[in-house]
Amino acid sequence: MRKEDSDKILHAWEQLRKSDRDALALFFRLTSDLLYRYGMKLCVDEELVKDCMQDLYVKLFQTAESLPALENPLFYLFKGLKNRLLNAIEQKEKITYYSPQEIQFQADFYYEAEGENDSIDDEMREKFEKLYRCLSDRQKEAIYLRFQMDMTYEEISQLLGINYQSARNLVYRTLEKIRTEFASFYIYLFF
C-alpha cells in the first residue's frame, strides 16, 4: 500500500474519532475495498462479508469518541472483521468453537517472468501452481498481510493469533520456500 493512501486513512481515522460524520464517509471510501477483499479471502459468502463490514462500520461510528489512536487503522479493521466473521460463522454453523486457524484463506496469484518464451511461461505456471498448493492458508495470509497490506509482524501475529517471533518465522520460511523453488525466475506475488 502506498504511503500516501496510508496517510489518508490515518487522517480519516483521526477525524472519525472526533465523531465527524463526513469522516466516516471518507474512511469508508478509503478502506471498504481493502476490507472487502480481505473478508472475501477469509469467507466466500459475499453477503456475510458485507453484513459483517456494515456492522463494523456502524459500530465504529457509534463508538467513535472512544476509538483508540492508532498507527494503522487497517489492522484494527481487519481484526474486527475477522472476529465478526468468526462469530457469524459460528452462529451460522452452530459450532461451539471455530478457531482462526480453521479459516481457509482464499488467495489468487499472479506471476511475471522475464522473457517471452511461452514454454518457460507454461513451466513457470505449473511450478508456481504446485508451490501455491503447498503453501498453507496461514502462509498465504501472512504473505498477503505483510507484502500487500504492509502490516507489521506485530499486527500479523495478532491477526493470526500467534506470537511475534512465530509471525516473523512464518513469513521468512514461506519466502525461503518460494525462493528455493523459483531461484532462476523473477516473480512478483499478488495474493
N, C-alpha and C. Protein backbone atom coordinates (compact mmCIF):
# COMPACT_ATOMS: atom_id res chain seq x y z
N MET A 1 0.85 -1.17 0.00
CA MET A 1 0.00 0.00 0.00
C MET A 1 0.89 1.23 0.00
N ARG A 2 0.48 2.21 -0.76
CA ARG A 2 1.26 3.44 -0.86
C ARG A 2 1.17 4.24 0.44
N LYS A 3 2.27 4.91 0.74
CA LYS A 3 2.33 5.75 1.95
C LYS A 3 1.26 6.82 1.92
N GLU A 4 1.02 7.38 0.75
CA GLU A 4 0.01 8.43 0.59
C GLU A 4 -1.38 7.91 0.99
N ASP A 5 -1.72 6.70 0.56
CA ASP A 5 -3.02 6.11 0.90
C ASP A 5 -3.11 5.83 2.39
N SER A 6 -2.02 5.33 2.94
CA SER A 6 -1.97 5.04 4.37
C SER A 6 -2.16 6.32 5.19
N ASP A 7 -1.55 7.40 4.75
CA ASP A 7 -1.69 8.68 5.45
C ASP A 7 -3.13 9.20 5.38
N LYS A 8 -3.77 9.04 4.24
CA LYS A 8 -5.17 9.48 4.10
C LYS A 8 -6.08 8.68 5.04
N ILE A 9 -5.83 7.38 5.11
CA ILE A 9 -6.63 6.53 6.00
C ILE A 9 -6.43 6.95 7.45
N LEU A 10 -5.19 7.21 7.83
CA LEU A 10 -4.89 7.62 9.20
C LEU A 10 -5.56 8.96 9.52
N HIS A 11 -5.51 9.91 8.59
CA HIS A 11 -6.15 11.21 8.80
C HIS A 11 -7.67 11.04 8.95
N ALA A 12 -8.28 10.23 8.09
CA ALA A 12 -9.73 10.00 8.18
C ALA A 12 -10.08 9.33 9.51
N TRP A 13 -9.22 8.44 9.98
CA TRP A 13 -9.44 7.77 11.28
C TRP A 13 -9.46 8.80 12.41
N GLU A 14 -8.49 9.71 12.37
CA GLU A 14 -8.42 10.74 13.41
C GLU A 14 -9.65 11.62 13.39
N GLN A 15 -10.15 11.95 12.22
CA GLN A 15 -11.37 12.75 12.12
C GLN A 15 -12.58 11.94 12.60
N LEU A 16 -12.61 10.66 12.27
CA LEU A 16 -13.70 9.78 12.72
C LEU A 16 -13.75 9.73 14.24
N ARG A 17 -12.60 9.72 14.88
CA ARG A 17 -12.53 9.68 16.34
C ARG A 17 -13.17 10.91 16.97
N LYS A 18 -13.32 11.97 16.18
CA LYS A 18 -13.97 13.20 16.65
C LYS A 18 -15.46 13.21 16.31
N SER A 19 -15.98 12.02 15.92
CA SER A 19 -17.39 11.84 15.55
C SER A 19 -17.82 12.70 14.35
N ASP A 20 -16.91 12.92 13.45
CA ASP A 20 -17.20 13.67 12.23
C ASP A 20 -17.89 12.74 11.23
N ARG A 21 -19.16 13.02 10.93
CA ARG A 21 -19.96 12.17 10.03
C ARG A 21 -19.33 12.10 8.63
N ASP A 22 -18.80 13.22 8.15
CA ASP A 22 -18.15 13.23 6.84
C ASP A 22 -16.89 12.36 6.85
N ALA A 23 -16.22 12.31 7.97
CA ALA A 23 -15.02 11.48 8.09
C ALA A 23 -15.37 10.00 7.97
N LEU A 24 -16.53 9.60 8.49
CA LEU A 24 -16.95 8.21 8.35
C LEU A 24 -17.12 7.86 6.87
N ALA A 25 -17.75 8.74 6.11
CA ALA A 25 -17.93 8.50 4.68
C ALA A 25 -16.58 8.41 3.97
N LEU A 26 -15.67 9.30 4.30
CA LEU A 26 -14.34 9.27 3.70
C LEU A 26 -13.59 8.01 4.12
N PHE A 27 -13.65 7.67 5.39
CA PHE A 27 -12.99 6.47 5.90
C PHE A 27 -13.54 5.23 5.20
N PHE A 28 -14.84 5.19 5.00
CA PHE A 28 -15.47 4.07 4.30
C PHE A 28 -14.95 3.99 2.86
N ARG A 29 -14.91 5.11 2.16
CA ARG A 29 -14.44 5.11 0.76
C ARG A 29 -12.98 4.65 0.67
N LEU A 30 -12.17 5.05 1.63
CA LEU A 30 -10.75 4.71 1.59
C LEU A 30 -10.46 3.26 1.98
N THR A 31 -11.31 2.68 2.81
CA THR A 31 -10.99 1.36 3.36
C THR A 31 -11.90 0.22 2.93
N SER A 32 -13.07 0.51 2.43
CA SER A 32 -14.06 -0.55 2.20
C SER A 32 -13.61 -1.58 1.16
N ASP A 33 -12.95 -1.15 0.08
CA ASP A 33 -12.49 -2.12 -0.92
C ASP A 33 -11.42 -3.05 -0.33
N LEU A 34 -10.49 -2.47 0.42
CA LEU A 34 -9.45 -3.28 1.05
C LEU A 34 -10.05 -4.27 2.05
N LEU A 35 -10.99 -3.78 2.83
CA LEU A 35 -11.63 -4.63 3.84
C LEU A 35 -12.45 -5.73 3.17
N TYR A 36 -13.15 -5.39 2.12
CA TYR A 36 -13.96 -6.37 1.39
C TYR A 36 -13.07 -7.47 0.80
N ARG A 37 -11.96 -7.07 0.16
CA ARG A 37 -11.05 -8.07 -0.42
C ARG A 37 -10.49 -8.99 0.65
N TYR A 38 -10.14 -8.43 1.79
CA TYR A 38 -9.62 -9.27 2.87
C TYR A 38 -10.72 -10.21 3.38
N GLY A 39 -11.91 -9.70 3.56
CA GLY A 39 -13.02 -10.53 4.01
C GLY A 39 -13.32 -11.67 3.05
N MET A 40 -13.24 -11.40 1.76
CA MET A 40 -13.52 -12.43 0.76
C MET A 40 -12.41 -13.48 0.71
N LYS A 41 -11.25 -13.15 1.21
CA LYS A 41 -10.17 -14.13 1.30
C LYS A 41 -10.38 -15.06 2.50
N LEU A 42 -11.17 -14.60 3.45
CA LEU A 42 -11.45 -15.40 4.64
C LEU A 42 -12.74 -16.21 4.50
N CYS A 43 -13.68 -15.70 3.72
CA CYS A 43 -15.01 -16.30 3.64
C CYS A 43 -15.56 -16.08 2.24
N VAL A 44 -16.08 -17.13 1.63
CA VAL A 44 -16.59 -17.00 0.26
C VAL A 44 -18.03 -16.51 0.21
N ASP A 45 -18.66 -16.37 1.36
CA ASP A 45 -20.05 -15.89 1.42
C ASP A 45 -20.06 -14.37 1.35
N GLU A 46 -20.29 -13.84 0.16
CA GLU A 46 -20.21 -12.40 -0.08
C GLU A 46 -21.18 -11.62 0.80
N GLU A 47 -22.38 -12.11 0.97
CA GLU A 47 -23.37 -11.40 1.79
C GLU A 47 -22.95 -11.35 3.26
N LEU A 48 -22.38 -12.44 3.74
CA LEU A 48 -21.91 -12.47 5.12
C LEU A 48 -20.79 -11.45 5.32
N VAL A 49 -19.88 -11.39 4.36
CA VAL A 49 -18.78 -10.42 4.45
C VAL A 49 -19.33 -9.00 4.47
N LYS A 50 -20.27 -8.70 3.57
CA LYS A 50 -20.86 -7.36 3.52
C LYS A 50 -21.62 -7.02 4.80
N ASP A 51 -22.36 -7.99 5.35
CA ASP A 51 -23.09 -7.76 6.59
C ASP A 51 -22.13 -7.46 7.74
N CYS A 52 -21.07 -8.24 7.83
CA CYS A 52 -20.10 -8.02 8.90
C CYS A 52 -19.38 -6.68 8.74
N MET A 53 -19.10 -6.31 7.50
CA MET A 53 -18.49 -5.00 7.26
C MET A 53 -19.43 -3.88 7.69
N GLN A 54 -20.68 -4.00 7.33
CA GLN A 54 -21.65 -2.97 7.70
C GLN A 54 -21.76 -2.85 9.21
N ASP A 55 -21.84 -3.98 9.90
CA ASP A 55 -21.89 -3.96 11.36
C ASP A 55 -20.65 -3.27 11.94
N LEU A 56 -19.51 -3.56 11.35
CA LEU A 56 -18.26 -2.98 11.83
C LEU A 56 -18.23 -1.46 11.66
N TYR A 57 -18.63 -0.98 10.49
CA TYR A 57 -18.63 0.46 10.25
C TYR A 57 -19.66 1.18 11.13
N VAL A 58 -20.81 0.57 11.33
CA VAL A 58 -21.82 1.16 12.21
C VAL A 58 -21.27 1.25 13.63
N LYS A 59 -20.65 0.17 14.10
CA LYS A 59 -20.07 0.15 15.44
C LYS A 59 -18.97 1.20 15.59
N LEU A 60 -18.18 1.36 14.54
CA LEU A 60 -17.13 2.39 14.58
C LEU A 60 -17.73 3.77 14.80
N PHE A 61 -18.80 4.08 14.08
CA PHE A 61 -19.38 5.40 14.23
C PHE A 61 -20.06 5.57 15.58
N GLN A 62 -20.71 4.50 16.06
CA GLN A 62 -21.39 4.58 17.36
C GLN A 62 -20.41 4.79 18.50
N THR A 63 -19.22 4.26 18.36
CA THR A 63 -18.22 4.36 19.43
C THR A 63 -17.05 5.26 19.05
N ALA A 64 -17.27 6.16 18.12
CA ALA A 64 -16.20 6.98 17.55
C ALA A 64 -15.35 7.69 18.59
N GLU A 65 -15.99 8.28 19.58
CA GLU A 65 -15.23 9.06 20.56
C GLU A 65 -14.35 8.21 21.47
N SER A 66 -14.65 6.92 21.55
CA SER A 66 -13.83 6.05 22.39
C SER A 66 -12.84 5.21 21.59
N LEU A 67 -12.76 5.45 20.29
CA LEU A 67 -11.81 4.71 19.46
C LEU A 67 -10.39 5.09 19.83
N PRO A 68 -9.48 4.13 19.80
CA PRO A 68 -8.09 4.44 20.18
C PRO A 68 -7.35 5.17 19.07
N ALA A 69 -6.31 5.90 19.46
CA ALA A 69 -5.40 6.48 18.48
C ALA A 69 -4.54 5.33 17.95
N LEU A 70 -4.46 5.22 16.64
CA LEU A 70 -3.76 4.09 16.03
C LEU A 70 -2.76 4.56 14.99
N GLU A 71 -1.73 3.75 14.78
CA GLU A 71 -0.80 4.00 13.70
C GLU A 71 -1.29 3.34 12.41
N ASN A 72 -2.05 2.24 12.54
CA ASN A 72 -2.53 1.50 11.38
C ASN A 72 -4.00 1.12 11.57
N PRO A 73 -4.93 1.99 11.19
CA PRO A 73 -6.35 1.68 11.34
C PRO A 73 -6.79 0.45 10.53
N LEU A 74 -6.08 0.14 9.43
CA LEU A 74 -6.45 -1.05 8.65
C LEU A 74 -6.31 -2.31 9.48
N PHE A 75 -5.28 -2.37 10.30
CA PHE A 75 -5.11 -3.52 11.18
C PHE A 75 -6.33 -3.67 12.09
N TYR A 76 -6.76 -2.56 12.65
CA TYR A 76 -7.93 -2.55 13.53
C TYR A 76 -9.16 -3.06 12.79
N LEU A 77 -9.35 -2.59 11.55
CA LEU A 77 -10.48 -3.04 10.74
C LEU A 77 -10.38 -4.53 10.40
N PHE A 78 -9.21 -4.96 9.97
CA PHE A 78 -9.03 -6.37 9.60
C PHE A 78 -9.31 -7.28 10.79
N LYS A 79 -8.79 -6.90 11.94
CA LYS A 79 -9.00 -7.71 13.14
C LYS A 79 -10.49 -7.74 13.50
N GLY A 80 -11.14 -6.57 13.43
CA GLY A 80 -12.57 -6.51 13.74
C GLY A 80 -13.40 -7.34 12.78
N LEU A 81 -13.08 -7.26 11.49
CA LEU A 81 -13.83 -8.04 10.50
C LEU A 81 -13.60 -9.54 10.69
N LYS A 82 -12.36 -9.91 10.94
CA LYS A 82 -12.06 -11.34 11.13
C LYS A 82 -12.82 -11.88 12.34
N ASN A 83 -12.85 -11.13 13.43
CA ASN A 83 -13.59 -11.56 14.62
C ASN A 83 -15.08 -11.66 14.34
N ARG A 84 -15.63 -10.68 13.64
CA ARG A 84 -17.06 -10.71 13.31
C ARG A 84 -17.39 -11.90 12.40
N LEU A 85 -16.52 -12.17 11.43
CA LEU A 85 -16.76 -13.31 10.55
C LEU A 85 -16.70 -14.63 11.32
N LEU A 86 -15.73 -14.75 12.21
CA LEU A 86 -15.65 -15.96 13.04
C LEU A 86 -16.92 -16.15 13.86
N ASN A 87 -17.38 -15.08 14.49
CA ASN A 87 -18.61 -15.16 15.28
C ASN A 87 -19.81 -15.50 14.41
N ALA A 88 -19.91 -14.88 13.24
CA ALA A 88 -21.05 -15.14 12.34
C ALA A 88 -21.03 -16.58 11.83
N ILE A 89 -19.85 -17.07 11.51
CA ILE A 89 -19.73 -18.45 11.03
C ILE A 89 -20.10 -19.44 12.14
N GLU A 90 -19.66 -19.15 13.36
CA GLU A 90 -20.02 -20.00 14.50
C GLU A 90 -21.53 -20.06 14.66
N GLN A 91 -22.19 -18.91 14.60
CA GLN A 91 -23.64 -18.86 14.75
C GLN A 91 -24.34 -19.55 13.58
N LYS A 92 -23.85 -19.31 12.38
CA LYS A 92 -24.46 -19.87 11.18
C LYS A 92 -24.35 -21.40 11.16
N GLU A 93 -23.21 -21.91 11.56
CA GLU A 93 -22.98 -23.35 11.52
C GLU A 93 -23.21 -24.03 12.87
N LYS A 94 -23.60 -23.22 13.86
CA LYS A 94 -23.86 -23.72 15.21
C LYS A 94 -22.68 -24.54 15.76
N ILE A 95 -21.51 -23.98 15.58
CA ILE A 95 -20.29 -24.59 16.08
C ILE A 95 -19.97 -23.93 17.42
N THR A 96 -19.57 -24.73 18.40
CA THR A 96 -19.27 -24.15 19.70
C THR A 96 -17.97 -23.35 19.68
N TYR A 97 -17.01 -23.77 18.87
CA TYR A 97 -15.78 -23.01 18.77
C TYR A 97 -15.21 -23.17 17.38
N TYR A 98 -14.81 -22.07 16.79
CA TYR A 98 -14.23 -22.06 15.45
C TYR A 98 -12.98 -21.21 15.53
N SER A 99 -11.81 -21.82 15.48
CA SER A 99 -10.57 -21.08 15.68
C SER A 99 -10.14 -20.37 14.40
N PRO A 100 -9.34 -19.31 14.55
CA PRO A 100 -8.85 -18.59 13.37
C PRO A 100 -8.03 -19.49 12.44
N GLN A 101 -7.39 -20.51 12.99
CA GLN A 101 -6.58 -21.41 12.17
C GLN A 101 -7.44 -22.26 11.23
N GLU A 102 -8.73 -22.40 11.53
CA GLU A 102 -9.60 -23.23 10.71
C GLU A 102 -10.20 -22.49 9.53
N ILE A 103 -9.99 -21.19 9.46
CA ILE A 103 -10.50 -20.41 8.33
C ILE A 103 -9.57 -20.61 7.15
N GLN A 104 -10.15 -20.96 6.00
CA GLN A 104 -9.35 -21.09 4.79
C GLN A 104 -9.13 -19.71 4.19
N PHE A 105 -7.88 -19.43 3.86
CA PHE A 105 -7.53 -18.15 3.25
C PHE A 105 -7.54 -18.33 1.75
N GLN A 106 -8.42 -17.63 1.05
CA GLN A 106 -8.57 -17.75 -0.39
C GLN A 106 -7.71 -16.68 -1.05
N ALA A 107 -6.66 -17.09 -1.73
CA ALA A 107 -5.77 -16.12 -2.37
C ALA A 107 -5.63 -16.45 -3.85
N ASP A 108 -5.54 -15.41 -4.64
CA ASP A 108 -5.26 -15.55 -6.06
C ASP A 108 -3.80 -15.20 -6.27
N PHE A 109 -3.24 -15.62 -7.39
CA PHE A 109 -1.86 -15.29 -7.65
C PHE A 109 -1.69 -14.74 -9.05
N TYR A 110 -0.59 -14.06 -9.20
CA TYR A 110 -0.19 -13.53 -10.49
C TYR A 110 1.32 -13.61 -10.51
N TYR A 111 1.86 -14.05 -11.59
CA TYR A 111 3.31 -14.05 -11.68
C TYR A 111 3.72 -13.39 -12.98
N GLU A 112 4.97 -12.91 -12.99
CA GLU A 112 5.51 -12.28 -14.17
C GLU A 112 6.94 -12.77 -14.32
N ALA A 113 7.19 -13.48 -15.39
CA ALA A 113 8.54 -13.99 -15.65
C ALA A 113 9.17 -13.12 -16.71
N GLU A 114 10.50 -12.90 -16.60
CA GLU A 114 11.19 -12.13 -17.62
C GLU A 114 11.38 -13.01 -18.84
N GLY A 115 11.32 -12.41 -20.02
CA GLY A 115 11.49 -13.16 -21.26
C GLY A 115 10.14 -13.43 -21.90
N GLU A 116 10.20 -13.90 -23.11
CA GLU A 116 8.95 -14.10 -23.84
C GLU A 116 8.80 -15.53 -24.33
N ASN A 117 9.43 -16.48 -23.71
CA ASN A 117 9.36 -17.88 -24.13
C ASN A 117 8.13 -18.53 -23.51
N ASP A 118 7.15 -18.90 -24.34
CA ASP A 118 5.90 -19.47 -23.85
C ASP A 118 6.10 -20.80 -23.12
N SER A 119 7.06 -21.61 -23.58
CA SER A 119 7.27 -22.89 -22.91
C SER A 119 7.80 -22.68 -21.50
N ILE A 120 8.63 -21.67 -21.33
CA ILE A 120 9.11 -21.34 -19.99
C ILE A 120 7.96 -20.80 -19.15
N ASP A 121 7.11 -19.96 -19.75
CA ASP A 121 5.95 -19.44 -19.02
C ASP A 121 5.04 -20.57 -18.56
N ASP A 122 4.79 -21.55 -19.41
CA ASP A 122 3.95 -22.70 -19.04
C ASP A 122 4.61 -23.50 -17.91
N GLU A 123 5.92 -23.69 -18.03
CA GLU A 123 6.65 -24.41 -16.99
C GLU A 123 6.59 -23.64 -15.67
N MET A 124 6.76 -22.33 -15.76
CA MET A 124 6.71 -21.48 -14.58
C MET A 124 5.33 -21.55 -13.92
N ARG A 125 4.30 -21.45 -14.73
CA ARG A 125 2.93 -21.50 -14.20
C ARG A 125 2.69 -22.83 -13.47
N GLU A 126 3.13 -23.92 -14.06
CA GLU A 126 2.95 -25.23 -13.42
C GLU A 126 3.71 -25.30 -12.10
N LYS A 127 4.95 -24.82 -12.08
CA LYS A 127 5.74 -24.83 -10.85
C LYS A 127 5.09 -23.94 -9.79
N PHE A 128 4.62 -22.78 -10.23
CA PHE A 128 4.01 -21.85 -9.29
C PHE A 128 2.73 -22.43 -8.70
N GLU A 129 1.89 -23.03 -9.55
CA GLU A 129 0.65 -23.62 -9.05
C GLU A 129 0.94 -24.76 -8.08
N LYS A 130 1.98 -25.54 -8.36
CA LYS A 130 2.37 -26.62 -7.45
C LYS A 130 2.82 -26.04 -6.10
N LEU A 131 3.65 -25.02 -6.14
CA LEU A 131 4.11 -24.38 -4.90
C LEU A 131 2.94 -23.75 -4.15
N TYR A 132 2.08 -23.08 -4.90
CA TYR A 132 0.92 -22.42 -4.30
C TYR A 132 0.06 -23.42 -3.53
N ARG A 133 -0.13 -24.60 -4.09
CA ARG A 133 -0.92 -25.63 -3.40
C ARG A 133 -0.21 -26.14 -2.15
N CYS A 134 1.11 -26.02 -2.15
CA CYS A 134 1.88 -26.49 -0.99
C CYS A 134 1.88 -25.49 0.16
N LEU A 135 1.57 -24.23 -0.12
CA LEU A 135 1.53 -23.23 0.95
C LEU A 135 0.28 -23.42 1.79
N SER A 136 0.44 -23.30 3.06
CA SER A 136 -0.71 -23.39 3.96
C SER A 136 -1.52 -22.10 3.88
N ASP A 137 -2.75 -22.16 4.35
CA ASP A 137 -3.58 -20.96 4.39
C ASP A 137 -2.92 -19.87 5.23
N ARG A 138 -2.28 -20.26 6.31
CA ARG A 138 -1.61 -19.29 7.18
C ARG A 138 -0.44 -18.63 6.46
N GLN A 139 0.31 -19.41 5.68
CA GLN A 139 1.42 -18.84 4.92
C GLN A 139 0.90 -17.84 3.89
N LYS A 140 -0.17 -18.20 3.20
CA LYS A 140 -0.76 -17.29 2.21
C LYS A 140 -1.23 -16.00 2.87
N GLU A 141 -1.90 -16.13 4.01
CA GLU A 141 -2.41 -14.95 4.70
C GLU A 141 -1.27 -14.08 5.23
N ALA A 142 -0.24 -14.71 5.79
CA ALA A 142 0.89 -13.95 6.32
C ALA A 142 1.59 -13.15 5.22
N ILE A 143 1.81 -13.77 4.08
CA ILE A 143 2.47 -13.09 2.96
C ILE A 143 1.58 -11.95 2.45
N TYR A 144 0.29 -12.20 2.35
CA TYR A 144 -0.65 -11.17 1.91
C TYR A 144 -0.61 -9.97 2.87
N LEU A 145 -0.71 -10.23 4.16
CA LEU A 145 -0.74 -9.15 5.14
C LEU A 145 0.57 -8.37 5.15
N ARG A 146 1.68 -9.08 5.03
CA ARG A 146 2.99 -8.42 5.10
C ARG A 146 3.28 -7.58 3.86
N PHE A 147 3.06 -8.17 2.67
CA PHE A 147 3.53 -7.51 1.46
C PHE A 147 2.45 -6.79 0.67
N GLN A 148 1.22 -7.13 0.84
CA GLN A 148 0.15 -6.41 0.15
C GLN A 148 -0.46 -5.34 1.05
N MET A 149 -0.57 -5.62 2.34
CA MET A 149 -1.20 -4.67 3.25
C MET A 149 -0.19 -3.93 4.13
N ASP A 150 1.10 -4.21 3.96
CA ASP A 150 2.18 -3.53 4.69
C ASP A 150 2.00 -3.58 6.20
N MET A 151 1.53 -4.68 6.71
CA MET A 151 1.35 -4.78 8.16
C MET A 151 2.66 -5.20 8.82
N THR A 152 2.81 -4.79 10.06
CA THR A 152 4.00 -5.15 10.83
C THR A 152 3.87 -6.60 11.30
N TYR A 153 4.98 -7.15 11.73
CA TYR A 153 4.95 -8.52 12.25
C TYR A 153 4.08 -8.59 13.51
N GLU A 154 4.10 -7.53 14.29
CA GLU A 154 3.25 -7.49 15.49
C GLU A 154 1.78 -7.58 15.11
N GLU A 155 1.38 -6.82 14.09
CA GLU A 155 -0.01 -6.85 13.64
C GLU A 155 -0.37 -8.21 13.05
N ILE A 156 0.55 -8.78 12.27
CA ILE A 156 0.31 -10.11 11.69
C ILE A 156 0.15 -11.14 12.81
N SER A 157 1.00 -11.05 13.81
CA SER A 157 0.92 -12.02 14.91
C SER A 157 -0.43 -11.94 15.62
N GLN A 158 -0.94 -10.73 15.80
CA GLN A 158 -2.24 -10.57 16.45
C GLN A 158 -3.38 -11.08 15.58
N LEU A 159 -3.32 -10.79 14.28
CA LEU A 159 -4.38 -11.27 13.39
C LEU A 159 -4.40 -12.79 13.27
N LEU A 160 -3.22 -13.39 13.27
CA LEU A 160 -3.14 -14.85 13.12
C LEU A 160 -3.19 -15.58 14.46
N GLY A 161 -3.15 -14.84 15.56
CA GLY A 161 -3.21 -15.46 16.87
C GLY A 161 -1.95 -16.23 17.24
N ILE A 162 -0.79 -15.70 16.81
CA ILE A 162 0.49 -16.32 17.11
C ILE A 162 1.40 -15.25 17.72
N ASN A 163 2.54 -15.67 18.28
CA ASN A 163 3.43 -14.66 18.86
C ASN A 163 4.26 -13.98 17.77
N TYR A 164 4.91 -12.90 18.16
CA TYR A 164 5.66 -12.06 17.23
C TYR A 164 6.72 -12.86 16.48
N GLN A 165 7.53 -13.62 17.19
CA GLN A 165 8.61 -14.37 16.55
C GLN A 165 8.05 -15.42 15.60
N SER A 166 6.93 -16.02 15.94
CA SER A 166 6.31 -17.01 15.05
C SER A 166 5.85 -16.36 13.76
N ALA A 167 5.36 -15.13 13.84
CA ALA A 167 4.94 -14.40 12.64
C ALA A 167 6.16 -14.13 11.74
N ARG A 168 7.26 -13.69 12.34
CA ARG A 168 8.48 -13.45 11.57
C ARG A 168 8.97 -14.75 10.92
N ASN A 169 8.98 -15.81 11.70
CA ASN A 169 9.43 -17.10 11.18
C ASN A 169 8.53 -17.60 10.05
N LEU A 170 7.24 -17.41 10.22
CA LEU A 170 6.29 -17.86 9.21
C LEU A 170 6.53 -17.15 7.88
N VAL A 171 6.69 -15.85 7.90
CA VAL A 171 6.95 -15.09 6.68
C VAL A 171 8.30 -15.48 6.10
N TYR A 172 9.32 -15.56 6.94
CA TYR A 172 10.66 -15.90 6.48
C TYR A 172 10.69 -17.28 5.82
N ARG A 173 10.11 -18.26 6.48
CA ARG A 173 10.13 -19.63 5.94
C ARG A 173 9.32 -19.75 4.66
N THR A 174 8.25 -19.00 4.58
CA THR A 174 7.46 -19.00 3.35
C THR A 174 8.26 -18.40 2.20
N LEU A 175 8.93 -17.29 2.46
CA LEU A 175 9.76 -16.68 1.43
C LEU A 175 10.92 -17.59 1.03
N GLU A 176 11.51 -18.25 1.98
CA GLU A 176 12.59 -19.19 1.68
C GLU A 176 12.08 -20.34 0.80
N LYS A 177 10.91 -20.82 1.08
CA LYS A 177 10.31 -21.89 0.28
C LYS A 177 10.09 -21.42 -1.15
N ILE A 178 9.61 -20.21 -1.29
CA ILE A 178 9.37 -19.64 -2.62
C ILE A 178 10.70 -19.40 -3.35
N ARG A 179 11.67 -18.82 -2.64
CA ARG A 179 12.98 -18.55 -3.26
C ARG A 179 13.66 -19.82 -3.73
N THR A 180 13.59 -20.86 -2.91
CA THR A 180 14.21 -22.13 -3.26
C THR A 180 13.58 -22.72 -4.52
N GLU A 181 12.29 -22.66 -4.58
CA GLU A 181 11.57 -23.24 -5.72
C GLU A 181 11.79 -22.43 -7.00
N PHE A 182 11.91 -21.11 -6.88
CA PHE A 182 11.97 -20.24 -8.04
C PHE A 182 13.28 -19.47 -8.13
N ALA A 183 14.37 -20.09 -7.79
CA ALA A 183 15.65 -19.40 -7.75
C ALA A 183 16.03 -18.80 -9.10
N SER A 184 15.62 -19.40 -10.21
CA SER A 184 16.05 -18.91 -11.52
C SER A 184 15.04 -17.97 -12.18
N PHE A 185 13.96 -17.63 -11.49
CA PHE A 185 12.93 -16.78 -12.08
C PHE A 185 12.76 -15.50 -11.26
N TYR A 186 12.34 -14.45 -11.92
CA TYR A 186 11.90 -13.24 -11.23
C TYR A 186 10.40 -13.35 -11.09
N ILE A 187 9.91 -13.26 -9.88
CA ILE A 187 8.46 -13.35 -9.71
C ILE A 187 7.96 -12.21 -8.86
N TYR A 188 6.73 -11.90 -9.10
CA TYR A 188 6.02 -10.93 -8.28
C TYR A 188 4.76 -11.63 -7.79
N LEU A 189 4.55 -11.62 -6.51
CA LEU A 189 3.38 -12.28 -5.96
C LEU A 189 2.32 -11.25 -5.61
N PHE A 190 1.13 -11.52 -6.06
CA PHE A 190 -0.01 -10.68 -5.72
C PHE A 190 -1.09 -11.61 -5.22
N PHE A 191 -1.19 -11.77 -3.92
CA PHE A 191 -2.19 -12.68 -3.34
C PHE A 191 -3.47 -11.93 -3.17
